[in-house]
Amino acid sequence: VQLVESGGGSVSAGGSLRLSCTASIHTSSPQLNTRSMAWFRQAPGKEHEGVVGREGVAAIASDGTTTYADSVKGRFTISKDNDRNTLYLQMTSLKPEDTAMYYCAGAPVVNSPTEPYEYNYWGQGTQVTVS
C-alpha cells in the first residue's frame, strides 16, 4: 500500500487547510475501509526522532470511530471516502504550534490509534506552516 499526502502549505494563524491522503491499493490488498487510518505530525527539529517522534493528531477506525489529540479537538476533523480510497484532515483555527510535517498512516487494525508504532504504512508527508 502506498500513501500519498497533499494539501499542505503556508497559512496565517486562524486559517484553514484540508489535507488529503490517497491510497494506492494493490488488487490483492484489503480495501481502505478495512484499515485504521490516521494523521500524525512531526514538529520542526524533531526529524531525527524518526517515526517514534511523531505525534498522533487524529485517527479513524474501519467502523468510523474517530480519535483526536487534545491539542486539536474542536479544530481538526478526520474523515475518509472509501470509494475514492482517500483520507482527509480538515484543519481550522490553525495556530503557529500546528506547524509540522503531516503524515498519513495506515494499519490493518490498531489498539492505540494515536501511537505511531501501531502503523505499518506511511506516506512521505506534507508540510504545514502557520505564521
Protein backbone atom coordinates (compact mmCIF):
# COMPACT_ATOMS: atom_id res chain seq x y z
CA VAL A 1 0.00 0.00 0.00
CA GLN A 2 1.32 3.42 -0.94
CA LEU A 3 0.04 6.55 0.72
CA VAL A 4 0.43 9.98 -0.89
CA GLU A 5 -0.37 13.15 1.03
CA SER A 6 -1.27 16.53 -0.45
CA GLY A 7 -2.80 19.82 0.59
CA GLY A 8 -0.12 21.26 2.82
CA GLY A 9 1.03 24.86 2.57
CA SER A 10 1.60 28.12 4.39
CA VAL A 11 -1.27 29.91 6.10
CA SER A 12 -1.79 32.68 8.58
CA ALA A 13 -2.87 31.91 12.14
CA GLY A 14 -6.62 31.36 12.24
CA GLY A 15 -6.66 30.00 8.71
CA SER A 16 -7.70 26.60 7.39
CA LEU A 17 -6.26 23.82 5.30
CA ARG A 18 -7.52 20.43 4.15
CA LEU A 19 -5.03 17.62 3.82
CA SER A 20 -5.68 14.59 1.63
CA CYS A 21 -4.11 11.15 1.60
CA THR A 22 -4.74 8.88 -1.34
CA ALA A 23 -4.02 5.18 -1.01
CA SER A 24 -2.78 3.16 -3.98
CA ILE A 25 -4.39 -0.14 -3.17
CA HIS A 26 -2.99 -3.27 -4.72
CA THR A 27 -5.67 -5.55 -6.06
CA SER A 28 -4.75 -8.23 -3.50
CA SER A 29 -4.73 -5.83 -0.54
CA PRO A 30 -7.64 -5.12 1.78
CA GLN A 31 -9.64 -2.06 0.82
CA LEU A 32 -9.19 1.18 2.69
CA ASN A 33 -12.37 0.65 4.66
CA THR A 34 -10.89 -2.38 6.44
CA ARG A 35 -7.95 -0.44 7.78
CA SER A 36 -7.35 2.01 10.56
CA MET A 37 -6.05 5.30 9.24
CA ALA A 38 -4.51 8.27 10.99
CA TRP A 39 -2.73 11.59 10.65
CA PHE A 40 0.49 12.24 12.52
CA ARG A 41 2.74 15.25 12.64
CA GLN A 42 6.38 15.88 13.37
CA ALA A 43 7.44 19.30 14.58
CA PRO A 44 10.49 21.10 13.19
CA GLY A 45 13.71 19.95 14.79
CA LYS A 46 12.36 16.53 15.69
CA GLU A 47 13.05 14.82 12.38
CA HIS A 48 15.95 12.90 13.93
CA GLU A 49 13.47 11.07 16.18
CA GLY A 50 12.00 9.24 13.21
CA VAL A 51 8.61 7.57 13.31
CA VAL A 52 8.50 7.24 17.10
CA GLY A 53 8.81 11.01 17.42
CA ARG A 54 5.61 11.65 15.50
CA GLU A 55 2.57 12.95 17.35
CA GLY A 56 -0.79 11.33 16.68
CA VAL A 57 -3.22 14.03 15.59
CA ALA A 58 -6.34 12.14 14.57
CA ALA A 59 -7.34 8.59 13.73
CA ILE A 60 -10.33 6.86 12.19
CA ALA A 61 -11.15 3.19 12.58
CA SER A 62 -12.76 0.94 9.99
CA ASP A 63 -16.14 1.44 11.70
CA GLY A 64 -15.76 5.24 11.54
CA THR A 65 -14.83 5.76 15.18
CA THR A 66 -12.58 8.81 15.50
CA THR A 67 -9.88 9.75 17.99
CA TYR A 68 -8.24 13.16 18.37
CA ALA A 69 -5.31 14.58 20.25
CA ASP A 70 -6.44 17.05 22.92
CA SER A 71 -4.48 19.81 21.20
CA VAL A 72 -6.64 19.61 18.06
CA LYS A 73 -10.08 18.69 19.40
CA GLY A 74 -12.72 21.02 18.07
CA ARG A 75 -10.39 22.36 15.36
CA PHE A 76 -9.47 19.33 13.23
CA THR A 77 -11.78 16.77 11.62
CA ILE A 78 -10.69 13.45 10.15
CA SER A 79 -12.80 11.73 7.52
CA LYS A 80 -12.45 9.23 4.70
CA ASP A 81 -14.01 8.49 1.34
CA ASN A 82 -13.87 4.74 0.84
CA ASP A 83 -14.97 4.96 -2.80
CA ARG A 84 -12.00 7.19 -3.58
CA ASN A 85 -9.58 5.46 -1.17
CA THR A 86 -8.85 8.88 0.31
CA LEU A 87 -8.35 10.11 3.86
CA TYR A 88 -8.85 13.76 4.79
CA LEU A 89 -7.89 16.09 7.61
CA GLN A 90 -9.80 19.36 7.75
CA MET A 91 -7.85 21.83 9.87
CA THR A 92 -9.38 25.07 11.08
CA SER A 93 -8.33 27.81 13.51
CA LEU A 94 -4.73 26.93 12.81
CA LYS A 95 -2.07 28.03 15.28
CA PRO A 96 1.68 28.50 14.86
CA GLU A 97 2.21 25.43 17.04
CA ASP A 98 0.43 23.35 14.39
CA THR A 99 3.44 23.90 12.14
CA ALA A 100 4.84 20.48 11.27
CA MET A 101 5.26 17.84 8.63
CA TYR A 102 1.99 15.93 8.49
CA TYR A 103 1.97 12.21 7.69
CA CYS A 104 -0.78 9.82 6.74
CA ALA A 105 -0.56 6.29 8.17
CA GLY A 106 -2.47 3.05 7.90
CA ALA A 107 -2.65 -0.37 9.53
CA PRO A 108 -4.97 -3.40 9.39
CA VAL A 109 -6.04 -2.84 12.99
CA VAL A 110 -4.69 -0.86 15.92
CA ASN A 111 -5.16 -0.89 19.69
CA SER A 112 -3.81 2.58 20.38
CA PRO A 113 -4.94 4.77 17.46
CA THR A 114 -2.57 7.67 18.06
CA GLU A 115 0.60 5.66 18.70
CA PRO A 116 2.95 5.63 15.68
CA TYR A 117 4.32 2.14 16.38
CA GLU A 118 0.89 0.71 15.60
CA TYR A 119 1.06 1.68 11.92
CA ASN A 120 2.62 -0.28 9.08
CA TYR A 121 2.21 2.12 6.18
CA TRP A 122 3.32 5.74 5.94
CA GLY A 123 3.25 8.48 3.36
CA GLN A 124 6.11 10.86 2.65
CA GLY A 125 4.47 13.80 4.40
CA THR A 126 3.16 17.23 3.51
CA GLN A 127 4.42 20.41 5.16
CA VAL A 128 2.07 22.73 7.04
CA THR A 129 3.40 26.11 8.14
CA VAL A 130 1.32 28.52 10.22
CA SER A 131 2.61 32.01 10.91
